Amino acid sequence: MTRRLPHPLALALLLAPSLAGAAETCRFEGATSHDGRAAVTTTVAAAADTLTIDVSLALTMSAWFADWKYLGQEISTWRAGELQSVATNTRTIVDDRIKKQQWDLFLRGPRGLEAYRVQAKTLADFQRLHPGFVRHWPLSSFGQGWVQDYRAAPPERRPDLDLPANAITPGLRSPLALAFYWSRFLPPAAGIAPVFLPGFKRNARTELDFSPPQPGNGWERRQAPLIHPGLGRTGSSVAAWVSPDHYLLQLALDVHAAAASGKAVIRALGCQGIQIPPAGP
């Protein structure tokens, strides 16, 4: 069932990057297990009282006798440090064939974060179900202004992907925004960061319990175990190296699941523009 978004201006917050221009852009590169390579670009912009964080990543690797490519984008908006919306576009390509691609939007309202989705298994189905969004089907269009066209798709309302209001706690973060932005501004003491996992039908909330800062030569290291039913009981973790002036220098992931395990180390290449610190907690 398709359903129109609740208000003609429901996506206005998500258009902030195109309206305000990029205030800060940072780029990262790294290596992963299975001869993988990762490239990440983050753009942070502020307009009025709204902060917009746009993170795009591309991952390529060879595993299970195939060449894999994963493209992911997360656009999140924040007011006073609190999550207002998340838009995600994820695409999985195996041996140059599209296996999965979907565009999700989560809008915060009285009942929590309400979910919408655009997807189809074939181009013919996509043209039939989402005629106003067809230009975003080709891989070459990844990350190119899809949010502005989302309402015209039209998207499908997905209550099964909602995060209910009672699961939204102060300081709730989205994964990529936490990894590449909020990790730069963690409180000086140890503490827990609640995390929303967009697109999960079950267990869409988790928590990262960050250690106190571990000082080094020109950096502080913060680490947290990754705990989720989809992972093994122990061994998974994330760590961030941050400079004294709040720039992310390096991010390391060590993930262990029942099906597979993997590691990644992603290092900063540099940032351009003006750093925007958070306006809230």
Protein backbone atom coordinates (compact mmCIF):
# COMPACT_ATOMS: atom_id res chain seq x y z
CA MET A 1 0.00 0.00 0.00
CA THR A 2 1.30 3.46 -0.86
CA ARG A 3 0.48 6.49 1.19
CA ARG A 4 1.42 10.11 0.81
CA LEU A 5 3.69 11.73 3.34
CA PRO A 6 1.78 13.46 6.13
CA HIS A 7 2.46 17.07 5.14
CA PRO A 8 3.62 18.86 1.97
CA LEU A 9 6.56 20.28 3.94
CA ALA A 10 7.48 17.00 5.66
CA LEU A 11 10.75 16.80 3.75
CA ALA A 12 11.77 20.43 4.17
CA LEU A 13 14.35 19.61 6.84
CA LEU A 14 16.02 17.09 4.56
CA LEU A 15 16.56 19.73 1.91
CA ALA A 16 18.81 21.77 4.18
CA PRO A 17 22.09 20.79 2.45
CA SER A 18 20.93 22.10 -0.92
CA LEU A 19 19.48 25.25 0.61
CA ALA A 20 22.29 26.19 2.98
CA GLY A 21 25.28 24.76 1.12
CA ALA A 22 27.94 22.57 2.67
CA ALA A 23 29.61 24.11 5.71
CA GLU A 24 32.04 21.22 6.22
CA THR A 25 32.99 18.25 4.05
CA CYS A 26 35.34 15.49 5.25
CA ARG A 27 36.68 12.51 3.33
CA PHE A 28 37.96 9.17 4.53
CA GLU A 29 39.48 6.04 3.02
CA GLY A 30 40.30 2.66 4.45
CA ALA A 31 40.80 -1.07 4.13
CA THR A 32 38.61 -3.97 5.22
CA SER A 33 38.70 -7.73 5.40
CA HIS A 34 38.37 -9.66 2.12
CA ASP A 35 40.68 -7.23 0.29
CA GLY A 36 38.07 -4.53 0.70
CA ARG A 37 38.35 -0.81 0.15
CA ALA A 38 36.14 1.81 1.73
CA ALA A 39 35.57 5.46 0.82
CA VAL A 40 33.42 7.82 2.91
CA THR A 41 32.33 11.44 2.44
CA THR A 42 30.55 13.39 5.17
CA THR A 43 28.84 16.74 4.74
CA VAL A 44 27.58 18.76 7.69
CA ALA A 45 25.38 21.83 7.23
CA ALA A 46 23.42 24.13 9.54
CA ALA A 47 20.33 26.17 8.71
CA ALA A 48 18.47 28.09 11.42
CA ASP A 49 18.15 25.60 14.32
CA THR A 50 18.61 22.46 12.18
CA LEU A 51 21.77 20.43 11.71
CA THR A 52 21.97 18.09 8.70
CA ILE A 53 24.52 15.28 8.50
CA ASP A 54 24.94 13.53 5.13
CA VAL A 55 27.23 10.48 5.11
CA SER A 56 27.90 8.48 1.92
CA LEU A 57 30.05 5.36 1.77
CA ALA A 58 31.23 2.95 -0.90
CA LEU A 59 32.64 -0.46 -0.01
CA THR A 60 34.12 -2.97 -2.44
CA MET A 61 35.46 -6.43 -1.60
CA SER A 62 35.92 -9.95 -2.90
CA ALA A 63 34.25 -12.67 -0.83
CA TRP A 64 32.41 -15.94 -1.28
CA PHE A 65 33.71 -16.29 -4.86
CA ALA A 66 32.13 -12.99 -5.93
CA ASP A 67 32.89 -9.28 -6.21
CA TRP A 68 30.73 -7.23 -3.88
CA LYS A 69 29.96 -3.53 -3.87
CA TYR A 70 27.91 -1.80 -1.22
CA LEU A 71 26.72 1.81 -1.48
CA GLY A 72 25.10 3.50 1.49
CA GLN A 73 23.88 6.98 2.30
CA GLU A 74 22.39 8.30 5.53
CA ILE A 75 20.97 11.84 5.75
CA SER A 76 19.91 12.78 9.26
CA THR A 77 18.51 15.99 10.71
CA TRP A 78 18.82 17.24 14.29
CA ARG A 79 17.45 19.97 16.53
CA ALA A 80 19.20 20.74 19.82
CA GLY A 81 21.07 17.47 19.42
CA GLU A 82 17.91 15.37 19.04
CA LEU A 83 17.17 13.23 15.98
CA GLN A 84 14.30 14.50 13.81
CA SER A 85 14.55 12.42 10.64
CA VAL A 86 16.68 9.83 8.87
CA ALA A 87 16.77 9.12 5.14
CA THR A 88 18.78 6.12 3.93
CA ASN A 89 19.64 4.74 0.50
CA THR A 90 21.36 1.34 0.42
CA ARG A 91 22.42 -0.66 -2.62
CA THR A 92 24.12 -4.04 -2.87
CA ILE A 93 25.76 -5.15 -6.14
CA VAL A 94 27.23 -8.64 -6.66
CA ASP A 95 29.29 -9.32 -9.79
CA ASP A 96 27.92 -6.11 -11.33
CA ARG A 97 24.30 -7.18 -10.77
CA ILE A 98 21.99 -5.27 -8.49
CA LYS A 99 20.83 -7.56 -5.69
CA LYS A 100 19.13 -5.05 -3.44
CA GLN A 101 18.41 -1.35 -3.38
CA GLN A 102 15.97 0.62 -1.27
CA TRP A 103 15.27 4.15 -0.13
CA ASP A 104 13.88 4.61 3.39
CA LEU A 105 12.65 7.67 5.25
CA PHE A 106 11.91 7.93 8.98
CA LEU A 107 10.07 11.03 10.22
CA ARG A 108 9.71 11.85 13.89
CA GLY A 109 6.20 12.44 15.16
CA PRO A 110 4.06 11.90 18.27
CA ARG A 111 4.09 8.11 17.73
CA GLY A 112 7.85 7.87 17.18
CA LEU A 113 9.89 7.58 13.99
CA GLU A 114 7.44 6.65 11.21
CA ALA A 115 8.87 4.72 8.27
CA TYR A 116 8.39 4.96 4.51
CA ARG A 117 10.08 2.86 1.84
CA VAL A 118 10.69 2.88 -1.90
CA GLN A 119 11.89 -0.38 -3.46
CA ALA A 120 11.18 -2.95 -6.17
CA LYS A 121 12.93 -6.09 -7.42
CA THR A 122 12.90 -5.17 -11.11
CA LEU A 123 12.93 -1.98 -13.14
CA ALA A 124 9.49 -2.87 -14.53
CA ASP A 125 8.08 -3.14 -11.00
CA PHE A 126 9.84 0.08 -10.04
CA GLN A 127 8.27 1.94 -12.96
CA ARG A 128 4.85 0.63 -11.97
CA LEU A 129 5.08 1.19 -8.21
CA HIS A 130 7.17 4.37 -8.09
CA PRO A 131 6.83 6.20 -11.42
CA GLY A 132 7.89 9.53 -9.92
CA PHE A 133 11.22 8.10 -8.79
CA VAL A 134 12.45 6.11 -11.79
CA ARG A 135 15.41 8.36 -12.56
CA HIS A 136 17.02 7.19 -9.31
CA TRP A 137 17.06 3.50 -10.31
CA PRO A 138 20.44 3.52 -12.17
CA LEU A 139 23.51 3.09 -9.99
CA SER A 140 24.97 6.19 -11.63
CA SER A 141 22.31 8.26 -9.83
CA PHE A 142 23.40 7.20 -6.33
CA GLY A 143 23.27 10.12 -3.92
CA GLN A 144 21.94 12.60 -6.48
CA GLY A 145 19.06 14.59 -5.00
CA TRP A 146 16.73 11.66 -4.38
CA VAL A 147 15.22 13.13 -1.21
CA GLN A 148 13.69 16.01 -3.15
CA ASP A 149 11.83 13.50 -5.36
CA TYR A 150 10.80 11.13 -2.58
CA ARG A 151 7.28 12.46 -2.06
CA ALA A 152 6.53 12.05 -5.78
CA ALA A 153 7.72 8.41 -5.82
CA PRO A 154 5.25 7.74 -4.06
CA PRO A 155 6.68 5.87 -1.03
CA GLU A 156 5.04 3.00 0.81
CA ARG A 157 4.10 3.48 4.46
CA ARG A 158 5.91 0.79 6.50
CA PRO A 159 4.65 0.55 10.10
CA ASP A 160 6.70 -2.62 10.57
CA LEU A 161 9.85 -0.48 10.40
CA ASP A 162 8.67 2.23 12.81
CA LEU A 163 10.59 3.03 15.99
CA PRO A 164 7.88 3.63 18.64
CA ALA A 165 7.96 6.73 20.80
CA ASN A 166 8.76 4.75 23.95
CA ALA A 167 12.02 3.59 22.30
CA ILE A 168 13.18 7.16 21.58
CA THR A 169 15.38 8.34 24.41
CA PRO A 170 17.40 11.58 24.73
CA GLY A 171 20.60 11.47 22.72
CA LEU A 172 19.34 8.84 20.25
CA ARG A 173 21.77 8.55 17.33
CA SER A 174 21.71 7.08 13.84
CA PRO A 175 24.65 4.79 12.95
CA LEU A 176 26.62 6.75 10.34
CA ALA A 177 26.00 10.11 11.99
CA LEU A 178 27.30 8.66 15.27
CA ALA A 179 30.35 7.10 13.61
CA PHE A 180 31.46 10.10 11.57
CA TYR A 181 30.11 13.13 13.45
CA TRP A 182 28.86 12.57 16.99
CA SER A 183 31.93 10.47 17.85
CA ARG A 184 33.90 13.73 17.50
CA PHE A 185 31.94 15.35 20.34
CA LEU A 186 31.42 12.59 22.91
CA PRO A 187 31.18 13.70 26.55
CA PRO A 188 34.47 13.57 28.43
CA ALA A 189 33.26 10.82 30.75
CA ALA A 190 32.31 7.27 29.85
CA GLY A 191 28.69 6.90 28.82
CA ILE A 192 26.03 5.15 26.78
CA ALA A 193 24.84 6.31 23.35
CA PRO A 194 21.46 4.88 22.28
CA VAL A 195 21.39 3.99 18.57
CA PHE A 196 18.51 3.60 16.11
CA LEU A 197 19.13 1.01 13.38
CA PRO A 198 17.06 2.19 10.36
CA GLY A 199 15.35 -0.58 8.42
CA PHE A 200 15.49 -3.27 11.12
CA LYS A 201 12.15 -5.01 11.63
CA ARG A 202 13.30 -6.36 15.00
CA ASN A 203 15.82 -5.10 17.52
CA ALA A 204 15.97 -1.65 15.91
CA ARG A 205 17.49 -0.16 19.06
CA THR A 206 20.88 -0.82 20.56
CA GLU A 207 23.37 0.97 22.78
CA LEU A 208 27.07 1.75 22.60
CA ASP A 209 28.79 2.00 25.98
CA PHE A 210 31.80 4.20 25.29
CA SER A 211 34.90 3.97 27.44
CA PRO A 212 36.57 7.02 29.00
CA PRO A 213 39.02 8.80 26.68
CA GLN A 214 42.37 7.09 26.30
CA PRO A 215 44.91 9.84 25.51
CA GLY A 216 47.64 9.47 22.90
CA ASN A 217 50.00 11.62 20.90
CA GLY A 218 47.64 14.26 19.51
CA TRP A 219 44.48 12.21 19.87
CA GLU A 220 41.99 10.56 22.23
CA ARG A 221 40.66 7.06 21.64
CA ARG A 222 37.12 6.02 22.54
CA GLN A 223 35.94 2.44 22.26
CA ALA A 224 32.63 0.63 22.71
CA PRO A 225 31.53 -2.99 22.36
CA LEU A 226 28.99 -3.75 19.64
CA ILE A 227 26.17 -5.72 21.21
CA HIS A 228 23.18 -6.86 19.17
CA PRO A 229 21.27 -10.15 18.72
CA GLY A 230 22.57 -10.32 15.14
CA LEU A 231 26.17 -10.44 16.38
CA GLY A 232 28.08 -12.90 18.48
CA ARG A 233 28.01 -12.51 22.23
CA THR A 234 31.50 -11.03 22.49
CA GLY A 235 34.33 -9.61 20.44
CA SER A 236 32.65 -6.98 18.25
CA SER A 237 33.69 -3.38 18.84
CA VAL A 238 34.05 0.10 17.39
CA ALA A 239 36.79 2.60 18.20
CA ALA A 240 37.29 6.25 17.22
CA TRP A 241 40.46 8.36 17.33
CA VAL A 242 39.64 12.08 17.68
CA SER A 243 41.94 15.10 17.70
CA PRO A 244 41.82 17.73 20.48
CA ASP A 245 40.05 20.10 18.07
CA HIS A 246 37.29 17.54 17.42
CA TYR A 247 38.26 16.05 14.06
CA LEU A 248 37.82 12.32 13.47
CA LEU A 249 41.23 10.87 12.62
CA GLN A 250 40.47 7.16 12.41
CA LEU A 251 37.62 4.71 12.87
CA ALA A 252 38.08 0.96 13.46
CA LEU A 253 35.42 -1.77 13.34
CA ASP A 254 35.76 -5.38 14.46
CA VAL A 255 32.55 -7.31 13.76
CA HIS A 256 31.77 -10.95 14.54
CA ALA A 257 28.49 -12.51 13.46
CA ALA A 258 27.30 -16.09 13.03
CA ALA A 259 27.64 -15.95 9.23
CA ALA A 260 30.92 -14.05 8.95
CA SER A 261 33.43 -11.75 10.62
CA GLY A 262 35.28 -8.71 9.37
CA LYS A 263 37.48 -5.77 10.27
CA ALA A 264 37.83 -2.27 8.87
CA VAL A 265 40.14 0.66 9.53
CA ILE A 266 39.12 3.99 7.99
CA ARG A 267 41.41 7.03 8.14
CA ALA A 268 40.75 10.71 7.51
CA LEU A 269 42.04 12.33 4.33
CA GLY A 270 41.04 15.82 5.40
CA CYS A 271 38.20 18.31 5.78
CA GLN A 272 37.19 21.49 3.99
CA GLY A 273 34.94 24.27 5.21
CA ILE A 274 33.96 25.43 8.68
CA GLN A 275 33.53 22.94 11.50
CA ILE A 276 30.02 22.95 12.97
CA PRO A 277 29.89 21.80 16.60
CA PRO A 278 26.62 20.37 17.94
CA ALA A 279 24.11 22.85 19.32
CA GLY A 280 22.65 20.43 21.85
CA PRO A 281 23.59 17.53 24.11
